[in-house]
Amino acid sequence: MRRPLGYASFVLAVAATLASVGIRATTPLASLGLPAVAGVAPDSAAATLLLAAAVVLATNGANFLVSTVATRGASTRRRHELRNALRLAFGALALLGVLGVLTDQWVGVLVSLGVVGFAVTFALQQPLLSLVAWFYITVKRPYRIGDRVEIDGEKGDVIEVDFLVTTLWEINGSLVSTNQPSGRVVTVPNSKVLSSDIVNFGGAGFPYVWNELAVQVAYETDLAFARETMVGVADDYLGDEMAAAIEHYRRRLSETAVELEVAERPSVNVVQTESWVELRLRYLTRPRGATNVRNELYERILDEFNDNPDRVSFPLGRNR
């Protein structure tokens, strides 16, 4: 649909330009006795409006052509970012061109835009701040289309980044839990990026997150056996994917000033409480599949523990 509209814009721009020139040359409206528009003869006013329309149409067509060439072969994320940038640039050119045609004072238009822009800055602080934040998002890339993020308490998958707002496909929220989509769409002003904490789950070129699974066992449990069982189950289920993710994680860390030892296998941390011992399995996984991975690991670990009741005991009572 965009292709026919883009080509049609050029055709209509040429037609509007020719019509404007024709009206100025023949003045067909002069004989109709039409009143002047703001002190301007009707033929001149019609020619000016047609020329302004030609500027808008030509700019739209140029935006289409440049966008088509610039985004050819680019990823979905990159195409979205380029199209937004080009829309803003060609929109500014169209506005400047239309004002120049209507006033016929190009230098005056530039000066007026500077004065008006200074006044508008105070009247539209939040929208302008969101526009500045859009430039920041485009250049620094704290998140991109498809990333799972949390912005000012709103968590979801980024589905669109416009000049003023970021649109999220909500995760969790007040309707569901366990990192599941709620089906709702949340719109967050881009200005929040400059004033709030931004959490990107699996972003910055590393599509994994560390996750934990907690299992409560009694003090009578053979902790060494329980820990090795949990690590073995995680090793069998996660397999080579986690090993590859660990290597990727280490490479990313080596590019920073952070010095951190990273275990090659899943690990288990022991937390003591008054009534039981909590074993926390730590592993690396993709954020979107984290819930399914946790559920599968939990079921497999419980099956292993239940097959060894002489070595693993669970806390008694319902106060867990």
Protein backbone atom coordinates (compact mmCIF):
# COMPACT_ATOMS: atom_id res chain seq x y z
CA MET A 1 0.00 0.00 0.00
CA ARG A 2 2.89 2.37 0.80
CA ARG A 3 4.45 1.91 -2.65
CA PRO A 4 1.41 3.13 -4.68
CA LEU A 5 0.92 6.05 -2.28
CA GLY A 6 4.58 7.02 -2.57
CA TYR A 7 4.54 7.07 -6.36
CA ALA A 8 1.14 8.79 -6.41
CA SER A 9 2.59 11.58 -4.24
CA PHE A 10 5.11 12.48 -6.94
CA VAL A 11 2.46 12.40 -9.67
CA LEU A 12 0.11 14.61 -7.66
CA ALA A 13 2.97 16.97 -6.76
CA VAL A 14 3.76 17.49 -10.44
CA ALA A 15 0.07 17.97 -11.25
CA ALA A 16 -0.34 20.53 -8.44
CA THR A 17 2.76 22.42 -9.57
CA LEU A 18 1.54 22.56 -13.18
CA ALA A 19 -1.90 23.67 -12.06
CA SER A 20 -0.33 26.42 -9.90
CA VAL A 21 1.74 27.68 -12.86
CA GLY A 22 -1.29 27.51 -15.13
CA ILE A 23 -3.48 29.50 -12.75
CA ARG A 24 -0.85 32.20 -12.37
CA ALA A 25 -0.46 32.45 -16.17
CA THR A 26 -4.14 32.46 -17.20
CA THR A 27 -5.90 33.79 -14.04
CA PRO A 28 -9.14 31.87 -14.73
CA LEU A 29 -10.77 32.98 -11.46
CA ALA A 30 -10.42 36.69 -12.11
CA SER A 31 -13.48 36.77 -14.41
CA LEU A 32 -15.69 35.10 -11.80
CA GLY A 33 -15.70 38.09 -9.51
CA LEU A 34 -14.55 36.14 -6.47
CA PRO A 35 -13.52 38.22 -3.46
CA ALA A 36 -9.90 38.51 -2.41
CA VAL A 37 -8.59 36.20 0.33
CA ALA A 38 -6.78 38.18 3.06
CA GLY A 39 -6.05 40.88 0.51
CA VAL A 40 -4.73 38.36 -2.03
CA ALA A 41 -6.34 37.85 -5.42
CA PRO A 42 -8.21 34.52 -5.70
CA ASP A 43 -6.01 33.29 -8.54
CA SER A 44 -2.86 34.04 -6.58
CA ALA A 45 -4.29 32.43 -3.43
CA ALA A 46 -5.30 29.26 -5.32
CA ALA A 47 -1.89 29.05 -7.01
CA THR A 48 -0.13 29.44 -3.66
CA LEU A 49 -2.25 26.74 -2.00
CA LEU A 50 -1.61 24.35 -4.87
CA LEU A 51 2.13 25.02 -4.65
CA ALA A 52 2.04 24.37 -0.89
CA ALA A 53 0.21 21.09 -1.53
CA ALA A 54 2.87 20.21 -4.13
CA VAL A 55 5.59 20.76 -1.51
CA VAL A 56 3.84 18.42 0.95
CA LEU A 57 3.24 15.76 -1.69
CA ALA A 58 6.79 15.95 -3.03
CA THR A 59 8.22 15.70 0.48
CA ASN A 60 6.05 12.67 1.20
CA GLY A 61 7.22 11.00 -1.99
CA ALA A 62 10.87 11.78 -1.23
CA ASN A 63 10.41 10.32 2.26
CA PHE A 64 9.02 7.14 0.69
CA LEU A 65 11.92 6.75 -1.74
CA VAL A 66 14.67 7.48 0.79
CA SER A 67 13.00 5.22 3.36
CA THR A 68 12.72 2.38 0.84
CA VAL A 69 16.40 2.61 -0.10
CA ALA A 70 17.71 3.17 3.43
CA THR A 71 15.76 0.29 5.00
CA ARG A 72 16.39 -2.26 2.27
CA GLY A 73 17.87 -5.37 3.86
CA ALA A 74 17.63 -3.92 7.38
CA SER A 75 16.13 -5.77 10.33
CA THR A 76 12.64 -4.98 11.60
CA ARG A 77 14.08 -2.99 14.49
CA ARG A 78 16.40 -0.99 12.24
CA ARG A 79 13.63 -0.25 9.72
CA HIS A 80 11.42 1.13 12.49
CA GLU A 81 14.16 3.44 13.76
CA LEU A 82 15.15 4.69 10.30
CA ARG A 83 11.56 5.38 9.29
CA ASN A 84 10.95 7.40 12.45
CA ALA A 85 14.07 9.48 11.86
CA LEU A 86 13.19 10.11 8.22
CA ARG A 87 9.59 11.00 9.08
CA LEU A 88 10.85 13.63 11.50
CA ALA A 89 13.41 15.06 9.04
CA PHE A 90 11.07 15.23 6.04
CA GLY A 91 8.24 16.51 8.24
CA ALA A 92 10.42 19.44 9.31
CA LEU A 93 11.36 20.10 5.66
CA ALA A 94 7.72 20.01 4.61
CA LEU A 95 6.75 22.48 7.35
CA LEU A 96 9.55 24.85 6.40
CA GLY A 97 8.67 24.57 2.70
CA VAL A 98 4.95 25.21 3.21
CA LEU A 99 5.59 28.24 5.41
CA GLY A 100 8.05 29.59 2.85
CA VAL A 101 5.54 29.17 0.03
CA LEU A 102 2.67 30.72 1.97
CA THR A 103 4.63 33.74 3.19
CA ASP A 104 7.11 34.05 0.31
CA GLN A 105 9.61 35.17 2.94
CA TRP A 106 12.11 32.37 3.46
CA VAL A 107 14.47 34.30 5.70
CA GLY A 108 11.57 35.66 7.70
CA VAL A 109 10.23 32.14 8.13
CA LEU A 110 13.52 30.96 9.61
CA VAL A 111 13.63 33.89 12.03
CA SER A 112 9.98 33.41 12.97
CA LEU A 113 10.52 29.72 13.56
CA GLY A 114 13.35 30.55 15.95
CA VAL A 115 11.20 33.01 17.94
CA VAL A 116 8.16 30.74 17.93
CA GLY A 117 10.29 27.74 18.84
CA PHE A 118 11.66 29.58 21.87
CA ALA A 119 8.12 30.31 23.08
CA VAL A 120 6.84 26.83 22.32
CA THR A 121 9.66 25.31 24.38
CA PHE A 122 8.04 26.67 27.53
CA ALA A 123 4.50 25.75 26.53
CA LEU A 124 5.28 22.16 25.46
CA GLN A 125 8.00 21.09 27.85
CA GLN A 126 6.86 17.49 28.33
CA PRO A 127 6.30 16.66 24.63
CA LEU A 128 9.64 18.26 23.76
CA LEU A 129 11.33 16.33 26.57
CA SER A 130 9.82 13.14 25.15
CA LEU A 131 11.17 14.08 21.70
CA VAL A 132 14.64 14.60 23.18
CA ALA A 133 14.30 11.23 24.92
CA TRP A 134 13.43 9.66 21.55
CA PHE A 135 16.76 10.93 20.18
CA TYR A 136 18.47 9.44 23.23
CA ILE A 137 16.72 6.09 22.71
CA THR A 138 17.67 6.07 19.03
CA VAL A 139 21.33 6.91 19.66
CA LYS A 140 22.13 5.17 22.97
CA ARG A 141 19.69 2.27 22.54
CA PRO A 142 18.76 1.51 26.16
CA TYR A 143 16.13 -0.70 24.52
CA ARG A 144 14.88 -1.56 21.05
CA ILE A 145 11.81 -3.08 19.41
CA GLY A 146 11.30 -6.59 20.78
CA ASP A 147 13.21 -6.10 24.04
CA ARG A 148 11.57 -6.95 27.35
CA VAL A 149 11.91 -3.93 29.62
CA GLU A 150 10.63 -2.28 32.77
CA ILE A 151 10.13 1.49 32.60
CA ASP A 152 8.96 3.37 35.67
CA GLY A 153 7.31 0.23 37.05
CA GLU A 154 5.66 -0.76 33.74
CA LYS A 155 6.96 -4.09 32.44
CA GLY A 156 6.46 -5.48 28.95
CA ASP A 157 7.81 -6.19 25.47
CA VAL A 158 8.55 -3.11 23.34
CA ILE A 159 6.35 -3.16 20.25
CA GLU A 160 6.77 0.43 19.07
CA VAL A 161 8.92 3.50 19.79
CA ASP A 162 7.44 6.72 18.43
CA PHE A 163 8.61 10.31 18.77
CA LEU A 164 6.71 10.84 22.03
CA VAL A 165 5.81 7.45 23.50
CA THR A 166 7.00 3.88 23.85
CA THR A 167 4.34 1.18 23.55
CA LEU A 168 4.67 -2.02 25.58
CA TRP A 169 2.87 -5.36 25.36
CA GLU A 170 2.29 -5.70 29.10
CA ILE A 171 3.84 -8.51 31.14
CA ASN A 172 2.47 -9.29 34.61
CA GLY A 173 0.49 -6.20 35.61
CA SER A 174 -2.59 -6.45 37.82
CA LEU A 175 -4.19 -9.31 35.86
CA VAL A 176 -1.56 -12.06 35.66
CA SER A 177 1.76 -13.05 37.22
CA THR A 178 4.82 -15.24 36.58
CA ASN A 179 6.01 -13.11 33.66
CA GLN A 180 3.01 -13.86 31.46
CA PRO A 181 1.46 -11.39 28.95
CA SER A 182 -1.73 -9.77 30.21
CA GLY A 183 -3.00 -8.84 26.73
CA ARG A 184 -2.99 -5.15 27.60
CA VAL A 185 -0.99 -2.46 25.80
CA VAL A 186 0.77 0.16 27.94
CA THR A 187 1.91 3.53 26.60
CA VAL A 188 4.83 5.15 28.42
CA PRO A 189 6.02 8.71 27.66
CA ASN A 190 9.57 8.72 26.33
CA SER A 191 10.44 11.38 28.90
CA LYS A 192 10.34 8.65 31.56
CA VAL A 193 13.56 7.28 30.07
CA LEU A 194 15.41 10.41 31.20
CA SER A 195 13.97 10.46 34.72
CA SER A 196 13.37 6.80 35.68
CA ASP A 197 15.28 3.56 35.99
CA ILE A 198 15.21 1.40 32.85
CA VAL A 199 15.57 -2.37 33.20
CA ASN A 200 16.26 -4.32 30.03
CA PHE A 201 15.81 -8.08 30.38
CA GLY A 202 18.19 -9.78 28.01
CA GLY A 203 19.15 -6.62 26.15
CA ALA A 204 22.46 -5.00 25.20
CA GLY A 205 23.37 -7.91 22.94
CA PHE A 206 22.96 -10.57 25.63
CA PRO A 207 19.58 -12.35 25.36
CA TYR A 208 19.78 -14.23 28.68
CA VAL A 209 19.07 -13.57 32.35
CA TRP A 210 20.01 -15.35 35.56
CA ASN A 211 17.06 -17.05 37.17
CA GLU A 212 16.47 -18.92 40.43
CA LEU A 213 14.29 -21.81 41.53
CA ALA A 214 13.76 -22.37 45.27
CA VAL A 215 12.97 -25.75 46.85
CA GLN A 216 12.37 -26.09 50.60
CA VAL A 217 13.62 -29.24 52.32
CA ALA A 218 13.86 -30.41 55.93
CA TYR A 219 17.05 -30.25 57.97
CA GLU A 220 17.24 -34.05 57.86
CA THR A 221 17.90 -33.91 54.10
CA ASP A 222 21.23 -35.02 52.67
CA LEU A 223 22.11 -31.55 51.38
CA ALA A 224 25.05 -32.69 49.25
CA PHE A 225 22.83 -35.20 47.46
CA ALA A 226 20.02 -32.66 47.04
CA ARG A 227 22.36 -30.04 45.63
CA GLU A 228 24.00 -32.43 43.16
CA THR A 229 20.59 -33.70 42.10
CA MET A 230 19.35 -30.20 41.34
CA VAL A 231 22.50 -29.31 39.41
CA GLY A 232 22.35 -32.58 37.47
CA VAL A 233 18.71 -32.05 36.51
CA ALA A 234 19.47 -28.50 35.35
CA ASP A 235 22.49 -29.73 33.38
CA ASP A 236 20.45 -32.40 31.63
CA TYR A 237 17.59 -30.05 30.76
CA LEU A 238 19.49 -26.88 29.80
CA GLY A 239 22.29 -28.78 28.06
CA ASP A 240 24.60 -27.03 25.63
CA GLU A 241 22.47 -23.90 25.42
CA MET A 242 23.51 -22.75 28.89
CA ALA A 243 27.16 -23.57 28.18
CA ALA A 244 27.05 -21.40 25.07
CA ALA A 245 25.24 -18.68 27.02
CA ILE A 246 27.95 -18.75 29.70
CA GLU A 247 30.66 -18.22 27.08
CA HIS A 248 28.67 -15.35 25.62
CA TYR A 249 28.19 -13.90 29.12
CA ARG A 250 31.93 -14.06 29.82
CA ARG A 251 32.73 -12.31 26.55
CA ARG A 252 30.31 -9.52 27.40
CA LEU A 253 31.83 -9.15 30.87
CA SER A 254 35.35 -9.00 29.41
CA GLU A 255 34.31 -5.89 27.47
CA THR A 256 33.54 -4.08 30.73
CA ALA A 257 35.51 -3.14 33.82
CA VAL A 258 33.53 -5.60 35.94
CA GLU A 259 35.51 -8.53 37.33
CA LEU A 260 33.19 -11.41 38.16
CA GLU A 261 33.62 -15.15 38.34
CA VAL A 262 30.96 -17.02 36.40
CA ALA A 263 30.22 -20.67 37.16
CA GLU A 264 30.27 -23.00 34.18
CA ARG A 265 27.32 -25.04 35.45
CA PRO A 266 24.12 -24.28 37.34
CA SER A 267 24.76 -23.76 41.04
CA VAL A 268 22.79 -24.15 44.25
CA ASN A 269 22.86 -21.70 47.15
CA VAL A 270 21.71 -22.79 50.61
CA VAL A 271 19.60 -20.49 52.77
CA GLN A 272 18.77 -21.52 56.32
CA THR A 273 15.52 -20.58 58.03
CA GLU A 274 14.02 -21.51 61.39
CA SER A 275 11.91 -24.39 60.05
CA TRP A 276 13.58 -25.61 56.85
CA VAL A 277 16.47 -25.22 54.44
CA GLU A 278 15.88 -23.48 51.15
CA LEU A 279 17.90 -24.64 48.16
CA ARG A 280 18.08 -22.02 45.41
CA LEU A 281 19.09 -23.28 41.98
CA ARG A 282 20.72 -20.56 39.88
CA TYR A 283 20.87 -20.92 36.10
CA LEU A 284 20.96 -18.92 32.89
CA THR A 285 17.95 -18.80 30.57
CA ARG A 286 16.13 -16.67 28.05
CA PRO A 287 13.72 -14.22 29.75
CA ARG A 288 10.67 -15.08 27.63
CA GLY A 289 10.94 -18.79 28.40
CA ALA A 290 11.93 -18.38 32.04
CA THR A 291 8.57 -19.47 33.46
CA ASN A 292 8.36 -22.62 31.35
CA VAL A 293 11.96 -23.52 32.20
CA ARG A 294 11.32 -23.03 35.92
CA ASN A 295 8.18 -25.17 35.82
CA GLU A 296 9.94 -28.00 33.99
CA LEU A 297 12.95 -27.94 36.29
CA TYR A 298 10.75 -27.87 39.38
CA GLU A 299 8.76 -30.93 38.27
CA ARG A 300 11.89 -32.88 37.38
CA ILE A 301 13.60 -32.02 40.64
CA LEU A 302 10.56 -33.03 42.71
CA ASP A 303 10.38 -36.33 40.83
CA GLU A 304 14.02 -37.03 41.68
CA PHE A 305 13.51 -36.08 45.32
CA ASN A 306 10.37 -38.20 45.65
CA ASP A 307 12.29 -41.18 44.23
CA ASN A 308 14.76 -40.83 47.10
CA PRO A 309 12.64 -40.34 50.25
CA ASP A 310 15.42 -41.76 52.44
CA ARG A 311 17.78 -38.94 51.43
CA VAL A 312 15.40 -36.00 50.89
CA SER A 313 12.74 -34.90 53.38
CA PHE A 314 10.30 -32.05 53.09
CA PRO A 315 9.23 -29.73 55.95
CA LEU A 316 6.09 -30.78 57.79
CA GLY A 317 3.16 -28.48 58.51
CA ARG A 318 1.36 -25.86 56.46
CA ASN A 319 3.32 -22.79 57.59
CA ARG A 320 5.65 -22.93 54.58
